[in-house]
């Protein structure tokens, strides 16, 4: 990598992070091992939770680890290419994403040979989502991603709520607070549009 124009200080962090991912995907990071220290911690934090809920939280955190690991990996490779090779964000992001996704596939394949671990296509998908989210933020910026995500969620709330209102009306099912949430989403969407026009005339 250094000879390709990427200095050591830029490519070493993602390589070390890849090594850490490999270490965690060995027997060291198996569910049997993490539950020994993480489940008691969850019981301490969420003393109200049932054993089933604690188990679900443990699984959720482990899956969240996939998103985080590969979001960080893609970000480190993005930094290596954007700062080390001075590539534009549109060039660096796809390369960083591709390296991260390939590493996810390699790592999951390797896990299939570890008795205490299992390979999963769903985990590769989670890894890819984590990497793609990081690259969206890198190319569009935090504000744009948050703005677009908020708009998307408001549209989903409005259209989904409207669909349920129609369905509930047709089936004579009471809608309760849904009569407020769907119009509220529409009002918020309209307010965002007006604000955007005033901010960027």
Protein backbone atom coordinates (compact mmCIF):
# COMPACT_ATOMS: atom_id res chain seq x y z
CA UNK A 1 0.00 0.00 0.00
CA UNK A 2 2.81 2.41 0.82
CA UNK A 3 4.25 1.94 -2.67
CA UNK A 4 0.79 2.62 -4.13
CA UNK A 5 0.95 6.08 -2.60
CA UNK A 6 -0.81 5.43 0.73
CA UNK A 7 1.45 6.32 3.69
CA UNK A 8 1.82 3.90 6.62
CA UNK A 9 -0.09 6.18 9.01
CA UNK A 10 -3.16 5.91 6.75
CA UNK A 11 -3.24 2.21 5.84
CA UNK A 12 -2.01 0.76 9.15
CA UNK A 13 -5.17 1.64 11.19
CA UNK A 14 -7.59 -0.22 8.86
CA UNK A 15 -5.23 -3.21 8.65
CA UNK A 16 -5.00 -3.36 12.45
CA UNK A 17 -8.81 -3.04 12.67
CA UNK A 18 -9.15 -5.96 10.24
CA UNK A 19 -6.84 -8.00 12.48
CA UNK A 20 -9.02 -7.13 15.48
CA UNK A 21 -12.15 -8.25 13.59
CA UNK A 22 -10.47 -11.59 12.82
CA UNK A 23 -9.54 -12.00 16.49
CA UNK A 24 -13.09 -11.24 17.65
CA UNK A 25 -14.57 -13.63 15.10
CA UNK A 26 -12.53 -16.51 16.52
CA UNK A 27 -13.60 -18.55 19.56
CA UNK A 28 -12.71 -15.51 21.73
CA UNK A 29 -15.76 -13.64 20.44
CA UNK A 30 -18.23 -16.54 20.50
CA UNK A 31 -21.62 -16.10 22.18
CA UNK A 32 -20.58 -18.57 24.89
CA UNK A 33 -17.61 -16.40 25.82
CA UNK A 34 -19.29 -12.99 25.63
CA UNK A 35 -22.27 -14.10 27.74
CA UNK A 36 -19.93 -14.83 30.69
CA UNK A 37 -19.13 -11.15 31.18
CA UNK A 38 -21.79 -9.33 29.17
CA UNK A 39 -24.95 -11.01 30.50
CA UNK A 40 -24.11 -10.14 34.17
CA UNK A 41 -23.49 -6.56 33.03
CA UNK A 42 -26.89 -6.49 31.31
CA UNK A 43 -28.54 -7.89 34.45
CA UNK A 44 -26.92 -5.10 36.45
CA UNK A 45 -28.03 -2.38 34.02
CA UNK A 46 -31.50 -3.81 33.30
CA UNK A 47 -32.44 -5.50 36.59
CA UNK A 48 -36.11 -5.41 35.55
CA UNK A 49 -35.53 -7.61 32.47
CA UNK A 50 -36.53 -11.26 32.28
CA UNK A 51 -33.95 -13.94 31.28
CA UNK A 52 -35.53 -14.04 27.79
CA UNK A 53 -35.20 -10.26 27.44
CA UNK A 54 -31.58 -10.38 28.64
CA UNK A 55 -30.83 -13.07 26.07
CA UNK A 56 -32.50 -10.96 23.36
CA UNK A 57 -30.46 -7.90 24.41
CA UNK A 58 -27.27 -9.95 24.30
CA UNK A 59 -28.08 -11.08 20.75
CA UNK A 60 -29.03 -7.54 19.71
CA UNK A 61 -25.75 -6.09 21.01
CA UNK A 62 -23.78 -8.81 19.21
CA UNK A 63 -25.55 -8.00 15.94
CA UNK A 64 -25.02 -4.28 16.59
CA UNK A 65 -21.32 -5.12 16.88
CA UNK A 66 -21.34 -6.19 13.22
CA UNK A 67 -22.74 -2.82 12.14
CA UNK A 68 -20.22 -0.91 14.26
CA UNK A 69 -17.15 -3.00 13.35
CA UNK A 70 -17.68 -2.58 9.64
CA UNK A 71 -18.77 1.05 9.83
CA UNK A 72 -15.43 1.74 11.53
CA UNK A 73 -13.53 -0.42 9.02
CA UNK A 74 -15.07 1.34 6.01
CA UNK A 75 -14.40 4.74 7.63
CA UNK A 76 -10.74 3.86 8.20
CA UNK A 77 -10.28 2.70 4.60
CA UNK A 78 -12.13 5.80 3.39
CA UNK A 79 -9.70 7.96 5.38
CA UNK A 80 -6.75 6.02 3.95
CA UNK A 81 -7.82 6.67 0.36
CA UNK A 82 -9.25 10.17 0.83
CA UNK A 83 -6.30 11.52 2.82
CA UNK A 84 -3.55 9.10 1.84
CA UNK A 85 -4.23 9.02 -1.92
CA UNK A 86 -6.20 12.29 -2.04
CA UNK A 87 -9.11 10.60 -3.82
CA UNK A 88 -12.46 12.37 -3.97
CA UNK A 89 -15.19 11.11 -1.67
CA UNK A 90 -17.03 9.63 -4.66
CA UNK A 91 -13.95 7.56 -5.53
CA UNK A 92 -12.79 6.67 -2.01
CA UNK A 93 -16.21 5.56 -0.69
CA UNK A 94 -16.87 2.71 -3.19
CA UNK A 95 -13.32 1.36 -2.73
CA UNK A 96 -13.60 1.48 1.07
CA UNK A 97 -17.04 -0.19 0.91
CA UNK A 98 -15.80 -2.92 -1.45
CA UNK A 99 -12.78 -3.76 0.75
CA UNK A 100 -15.03 -3.90 3.83
CA UNK A 101 -17.61 -6.13 2.15
CA UNK A 102 -14.95 -8.50 0.80
CA UNK A 103 -13.42 -8.70 4.27
CA UNK A 104 -16.86 -9.48 5.74
CA UNK A 105 -17.27 -12.39 3.29
CA UNK A 106 -13.74 -13.67 4.00
CA UNK A 107 -14.28 -13.40 7.76
CA UNK A 108 -17.65 -15.18 7.72
CA UNK A 109 -16.18 -17.93 5.54
CA UNK A 110 -13.32 -18.34 8.02
CA UNK A 111 -15.84 -18.57 10.88
CA UNK A 112 -17.36 -21.65 9.24
CA UNK A 113 -14.14 -23.51 10.18
CA UNK A 114 -14.30 -22.44 13.85
CA UNK A 115 -16.34 -25.03 15.86
CA UNK A 116 -17.82 -22.46 18.27
CA UNK A 117 -18.82 -20.03 15.49
CA UNK A 118 -21.20 -20.20 12.54
CA UNK A 119 -21.02 -18.43 9.18
CA UNK A 120 -24.08 -16.38 8.30
CA UNK A 121 -25.15 -14.50 5.19
CA UNK A 122 -27.27 -12.26 7.45
CA UNK A 123 -24.12 -11.19 9.30
CA UNK A 124 -22.47 -10.29 5.98
CA UNK A 125 -25.57 -8.23 5.15
CA UNK A 126 -25.31 -6.44 8.53
CA UNK A 127 -21.61 -5.80 7.91
CA UNK A 128 -22.45 -4.37 4.50
CA UNK A 129 -25.17 -2.13 5.97
CA UNK A 130 -22.72 -0.82 8.57
CA UNK A 131 -20.11 -0.06 5.90
CA UNK A 132 -22.66 1.55 3.55
CA UNK A 133 -24.07 3.77 6.33
CA UNK A 134 -20.57 4.98 7.15
CA UNK A 135 -19.91 5.74 3.48
CA UNK A 136 -23.21 7.62 3.17
CA UNK A 137 -22.15 9.83 6.05
CA UNK A 138 -18.65 10.23 4.56
CA UNK A 139 -19.94 11.30 1.14
CA UNK A 140 -23.05 13.27 2.09
CA UNK A 141 -22.16 14.53 5.57
CA UNK A 142 -23.97 14.03 8.89
CA UNK A 143 -26.49 16.81 8.39
CA UNK A 144 -27.58 15.62 4.96
CA UNK A 145 -27.90 11.99 6.09
CA UNK A 146 -29.91 12.97 9.19
CA UNK A 147 -32.08 15.33 7.12
CA UNK A 148 -32.83 12.71 4.47
CA UNK A 149 -33.39 9.96 7.05
CA UNK A 150 -35.81 12.18 8.98
CA UNK A 151 -37.70 13.03 5.79
CA UNK A 152 -37.86 9.34 4.84
CA UNK A 153 -39.16 8.35 8.29
CA UNK A 154 -41.79 11.11 8.21
CA UNK A 155 -42.99 9.97 4.79
CA UNK A 156 -43.11 6.37 6.06
CA UNK A 157 -45.11 7.49 9.11
CA UNK A 158 -47.50 9.54 6.97
CA UNK A 159 -48.09 6.96 4.21
CA UNK A 160 -48.04 3.98 6.57
CA UNK A 161 -50.42 5.72 8.98
CA UNK A 162 -52.71 6.71 6.11
CA UNK A 163 -52.78 3.12 4.83
CA UNK A 164 -53.67 1.82 8.31
CA UNK A 165 -56.36 4.47 8.74
CA UNK A 166 -57.98 3.42 5.45
CA UNK A 167 -57.66 -0.28 6.35
CA UNK A 168 -59.07 0.27 9.84
CA UNK A 169 -61.99 2.30 8.40
CA UNK A 170 -62.78 -0.47 5.89
CA UNK A 171 -62.67 -3.16 8.59
CA UNK A 172 -64.46 -1.10 11.28
CA UNK A 173 -61.40 -1.22 13.55
CA UNK A 174 -60.79 1.72 15.92
CA UNK A 175 -57.64 3.68 15.03
CA UNK A 176 -57.15 5.54 18.31
CA UNK A 177 -54.06 7.80 18.33
CA UNK A 178 -53.35 6.91 14.69
CA UNK A 179 -55.79 9.70 13.77
CA UNK A 180 -53.22 12.12 15.25
CA UNK A 181 -49.90 10.57 14.19
CA UNK A 182 -50.51 10.46 10.44
CA UNK A 183 -51.66 14.12 10.14
CA UNK A 184 -48.83 15.15 12.51
CA UNK A 185 -46.29 13.52 10.17
CA UNK A 186 -47.85 15.43 7.24
CA UNK A 187 -47.64 18.74 9.17
CA UNK A 188 -43.97 18.09 10.05
CA UNK A 189 -43.18 17.28 6.41
CA UNK A 190 -44.84 20.53 5.30
CA UNK A 191 -43.01 22.52 7.99
CA UNK A 192 -39.66 21.03 6.90
CA UNK A 193 -40.38 21.95 3.28
CA UNK A 194 -41.26 25.56 4.20
CA UNK A 195 -38.15 25.85 6.41
CA UNK A 196 -35.94 24.45 3.62
CA UNK A 197 -37.32 27.01 1.13
CA UNK A 198 -36.71 29.89 3.54
CA UNK A 199 -33.20 28.65 4.39
CA UNK A 200 -32.30 28.22 0.69
CA UNK A 201 -34.36 30.75 -1.30
